[in-house]
């Protein structure tokens, strides 16, 4: 997410986010939901499917576990879709 707000950056350092992130990793069995890569929790990333409920995310609906490669691919794809034509 480019141009991250101060609110977002602070939240991503919070204990609340750490708890939600750990819960989503556990739900996904510590595997990337895109490619199935299994790794230690500190390697995997938890991606927001939506920022609409930032700080009040539903771990089941708003978050997904991704490996760094798939996470980068998702963000690259989203940037291309948002680029002006």
C-alpha atoms as a PDB file:
ATOM      1  CA  UNK A   1       0.000   0.000   0.000  1.00  0.00           C
ATOM      2  CA  UNK A   2       1.817   3.102  -1.166  1.00  0.00           C
ATOM      3  CA  UNK A   3       1.241   6.396   0.591  1.00  0.00           C
ATOM      4  CA  UNK A   4       0.405   4.656   3.839  1.00  0.00           C
ATOM      5  CA  UNK A   5      -1.323   6.872   6.357  1.00  0.00           C
ATOM      6  CA  UNK A   6       0.130   7.541   9.781  1.00  0.00           C
ATOM      7  CA  UNK A   7      -2.880   5.723  11.265  1.00  0.00           C
ATOM      8  CA  UNK A   8      -2.102   2.616   9.188  1.00  0.00           C
ATOM      9  CA  UNK A   9       1.616   2.619  10.030  1.00  0.00           C
ATOM     10  CA  UNK A  10       0.914   2.970  13.762  1.00  0.00           C
ATOM     11  CA  UNK A  11      -1.760   0.272  13.715  1.00  0.00           C
ATOM     12  CA  UNK A  12       0.575  -2.184  11.968  1.00  0.00           C
ATOM     13  CA  UNK A  13       2.945  -1.876  14.969  1.00  0.00           C
ATOM     14  CA  UNK A  14       0.189  -2.429  17.560  1.00  0.00           C
ATOM     15  CA  UNK A  15      -0.461  -5.402  19.827  1.00  0.00           C
ATOM     16  CA  UNK A  16      -3.985  -5.567  18.414  1.00  0.00           C
ATOM     17  CA  UNK A  17      -2.630  -6.131  14.885  1.00  0.00           C
ATOM     18  CA  UNK A  18      -0.126  -8.713  16.136  1.00  0.00           C
ATOM     19  CA  UNK A  19      -2.960 -10.702  17.743  1.00  0.00           C
ATOM     20  CA  UNK A  20      -5.075 -10.583  14.568  1.00  0.00           C
ATOM     21  CA  UNK A  21      -2.101 -11.500  12.412  1.00  0.00           C
ATOM     22  CA  UNK A  22      -1.250 -14.503  14.605  1.00  0.00           C
ATOM     23  CA  UNK A  23      -4.888 -15.644  14.511  1.00  0.00           C
ATOM     24  CA  UNK A  24      -5.011 -15.449  10.677  1.00  0.00           C
ATOM     25  CA  UNK A  25      -1.724 -17.349  10.372  1.00  0.00           C
ATOM     26  CA  UNK A  26      -3.156 -20.043  12.647  1.00  0.00           C
ATOM     27  CA  UNK A  27      -6.420 -20.187  10.644  1.00  0.00           C
ATOM     28  CA  UNK A  28      -4.438 -20.719   7.428  1.00  0.00           C
ATOM     29  CA  UNK A  29      -2.203 -23.375   8.993  1.00  0.00           C
ATOM     30  CA  UNK A  30       0.927 -21.239   8.510  1.00  0.00           C
ATOM     31  CA  UNK A  31       0.660 -21.647   4.724  1.00  0.00           C
ATOM     32  CA  UNK A  32       0.297 -19.198   1.872  1.00  0.00           C
ATOM     33  CA  UNK A  33      -3.299 -19.366   0.690  1.00  0.00           C
ATOM     34  CA  UNK A  34      -2.216 -18.643  -2.895  1.00  0.00           C
ATOM     35  CA  UNK A  35       0.591 -21.144  -3.476  1.00  0.00           C
ATOM     36  CA  UNK A  36       0.570 -23.376  -0.380  1.00  0.00           C
ATOM     37  CA  UNK A  37       4.100 -22.450   0.727  1.00  0.00           C
ATOM     38  CA  UNK A  38       4.535 -23.475   4.362  1.00  0.00           C
ATOM     39  CA  UNK A  39       6.858 -21.388   6.500  1.00  0.00           C
ATOM     40  CA  UNK A  40       7.562 -20.050   9.955  1.00  0.00           C
ATOM     41  CA  UNK A  41       5.168 -17.276  11.002  1.00  0.00           C
ATOM     42  CA  UNK A  42       7.875 -14.614  10.767  1.00  0.00           C
ATOM     43  CA  UNK A  43       8.312 -15.377   7.024  1.00  0.00           C
ATOM     44  CA  UNK A  44       4.626 -15.292   6.091  1.00  0.00           C
ATOM     45  CA  UNK A  45       2.621 -12.083   5.689  1.00  0.00           C
ATOM     46  CA  UNK A  46      -0.983 -11.285   6.444  1.00  0.00           C
ATOM     47  CA  UNK A  47      -2.612  -9.237   3.697  1.00  0.00           C
ATOM     48  CA  UNK A  48      -5.669  -7.015   4.094  1.00  0.00           C
ATOM     49  CA  UNK A  49      -8.332  -7.887   1.536  1.00  0.00           C
ATOM     50  CA  UNK A  50      -9.999  -4.622   2.505  1.00  0.00           C
ATOM     51  CA  UNK A  51      -8.976  -1.650   4.617  1.00  0.00           C
ATOM     52  CA  UNK A  52     -12.605  -0.681   5.275  1.00  0.00           C
ATOM     53  CA  UNK A  53     -12.485  -2.021   8.830  1.00  0.00           C
ATOM     54  CA  UNK A  54      -8.850  -1.232   9.638  1.00  0.00           C
ATOM     55  CA  UNK A  55      -8.423  -1.851  13.349  1.00  0.00           C
ATOM     56  CA  UNK A  56     -11.658  -3.869  13.503  1.00  0.00           C
ATOM     57  CA  UNK A  57     -10.860  -6.507  10.893  1.00  0.00           C
ATOM     58  CA  UNK A  58     -12.703  -9.783  10.786  1.00  0.00           C
ATOM     59  CA  UNK A  59      -9.912 -12.364  10.723  1.00  0.00           C
ATOM     60  CA  UNK A  60     -12.030 -14.625   8.490  1.00  0.00           C
ATOM     61  CA  UNK A  61     -13.263 -12.063   5.950  1.00  0.00           C
ATOM     62  CA  UNK A  62     -10.720  -9.244   5.811  1.00  0.00           C
ATOM     63  CA  UNK A  63      -7.331 -10.972   6.055  1.00  0.00           C
ATOM     64  CA  UNK A  64      -5.406 -13.683   4.220  1.00  0.00           C
ATOM     65  CA  UNK A  65      -1.990 -15.314   4.697  1.00  0.00           C
ATOM     66  CA  UNK A  66       0.506 -14.947   1.843  1.00  0.00           C
ATOM     67  CA  UNK A  67       4.172 -15.753   1.301  1.00  0.00           C
ATOM     68  CA  UNK A  68       6.352 -12.752   0.380  1.00  0.00           C
ATOM     69  CA  UNK A  69       6.367 -13.688  -3.321  1.00  0.00           C
ATOM     70  CA  UNK A  70       2.573 -13.991  -3.607  1.00  0.00           C
ATOM     71  CA  UNK A  71       2.116 -10.845  -1.501  1.00  0.00           C
ATOM     72  CA  UNK A  72       4.320  -8.884  -3.905  1.00  0.00           C
ATOM     73  CA  UNK A  73       2.420 -10.323  -6.903  1.00  0.00           C
ATOM     74  CA  UNK A  74      -0.922  -9.270  -5.409  1.00  0.00           C
ATOM     75  CA  UNK A  75       0.280  -5.717  -4.783  1.00  0.00           C
ATOM     76  CA  UNK A  76       1.812  -5.475  -8.269  1.00  0.00           C
ATOM     77  CA  UNK A  77      -1.459  -6.621  -9.806  1.00  0.00           C
ATOM     78  CA  UNK A  78      -3.452  -4.123  -7.744  1.00  0.00           C
ATOM     79  CA  UNK A  79      -1.112  -1.289  -8.740  1.00  0.00           C
ATOM     80  CA  UNK A  80      -1.569  -2.180 -12.428  1.00  0.00           C
ATOM     81  CA  UNK A  81      -5.352  -2.225 -12.034  1.00  0.00           C
ATOM     82  CA  UNK A  82      -5.321   1.195 -10.340  1.00  0.00           C
ATOM     83  CA  UNK A  83      -2.957   2.808 -12.853  1.00  0.00           C
ATOM     84  CA  UNK A  84      -4.621   5.347 -15.149  1.00  0.00           C
ATOM     85  CA  UNK A  85      -4.991   4.205 -18.729  1.00  0.00           C
END
